[in-house]
Amino acid sequence: MKVILNKNEIQIFRGATVSDLVLAYSERSHKMLKQGKLCVYDRFGNLTEPDGPVYDGQLFWLKRADSA
C-alpha cells in the first residue's frame, strides 16, 4: 500500500504500524522517534502513537518533539 510521509510516497506492507512507516522512510528518523525526539502527526494535526495502524492513502508528518 502507499502512504505519504513528509511529502514522500512510501510503499509499505499491509498491517504496518506508524513505527514501521518511519523505519521505511529513514533509519535515522526511526531512531529519533524511539528516543522521543520526533513525533508523527496525521493530516489533521493529531499526534499518532508509534504502534498505531497505517492504512492505504494516509498522510503523515514528522516533527521535532520540542517544536510540536
Protein backbone atom coordinates (compact mmCIF):
# COMPACT_ATOMS: atom_id res chain seq x y z
CA MET A 1 0.00 0.00 0.00
CA LYS A 2 1.05 3.62 -0.49
CA VAL A 3 1.35 6.10 2.38
CA ILE A 4 2.72 9.66 2.35
CA LEU A 5 5.28 10.74 4.97
CA ASN A 6 6.71 14.27 4.70
CA LYS A 7 5.64 14.53 1.04
CA ASN A 8 7.40 11.22 0.21
CA GLU A 9 5.38 8.28 -1.07
CA ILE A 10 6.33 5.14 0.84
CA GLN A 11 5.39 1.62 -0.23
CA ILE A 12 4.62 -0.29 2.98
CA PHE A 13 3.13 -3.69 3.78
CA ARG A 14 -0.43 -4.16 4.99
CA GLY A 15 -0.63 -4.31 8.77
CA ALA A 16 2.25 -1.87 9.20
CA THR A 17 2.43 0.49 12.15
CA VAL A 18 3.47 4.15 12.22
CA SER A 19 6.84 3.00 13.55
CA ASP A 20 7.27 0.62 10.56
CA LEU A 21 6.44 3.51 8.23
CA VAL A 22 9.06 5.79 9.79
CA LEU A 23 11.64 2.98 9.57
CA ALA A 24 10.87 2.52 5.86
CA TYR A 25 11.33 6.28 5.44
CA SER A 26 14.61 6.65 7.38
CA GLU A 27 16.56 4.61 9.93
CA ARG A 28 17.83 7.84 11.50
CA SER A 29 14.30 9.23 11.86
CA HIS A 30 13.15 5.91 13.34
CA LYS A 31 15.90 6.06 15.94
CA MET A 32 14.94 9.65 16.80
CA LEU A 33 11.26 8.61 17.09
CA LYS A 34 12.20 5.81 19.51
CA GLN A 35 14.26 8.31 21.56
CA GLY A 36 11.30 10.70 21.76
CA LYS A 37 12.99 13.38 19.67
CA LEU A 38 10.47 13.12 16.81
CA CYS A 39 6.67 12.86 16.77
CA VAL A 40 4.36 11.76 13.96
CA TYR A 41 1.20 13.70 13.13
CA ASP A 42 -1.64 12.79 10.78
CA ARG A 43 -3.05 15.11 8.11
CA PHE A 44 -5.38 16.68 10.66
CA GLY A 45 -2.54 17.57 13.01
CA ASN A 46 -3.31 14.83 15.52
CA LEU A 47 -0.39 13.19 17.29
CA THR A 48 -0.19 9.49 16.43
CA GLU A 49 1.23 6.66 18.50
CA PRO A 50 4.18 4.71 17.05
CA ASP A 51 2.25 1.46 17.40
CA GLY A 52 -0.83 2.86 15.66
CA PRO A 53 -2.07 1.31 12.40
CA VAL A 54 -1.30 2.66 8.94
CA TYR A 55 -3.84 2.50 6.10
CA ASP A 56 -3.51 2.95 2.36
CA GLY A 57 -3.56 6.60 1.28
CA GLN A 58 -2.84 8.15 4.69
CA LEU A 59 -0.69 11.26 5.09
CA PHE A 60 1.72 11.80 7.97
CA TRP A 61 4.24 14.45 9.04
CA LEU A 62 7.33 14.10 11.22
CA LYS A 63 8.08 16.98 13.57
CA ARG A 64 10.70 17.52 16.26
CA ALA A 65 9.22 16.82 19.68
CA ASP A 66 10.44 20.14 21.08
CA SER A 67 8.68 22.16 18.36
CA ALA A 68 5.43 20.19 18.42
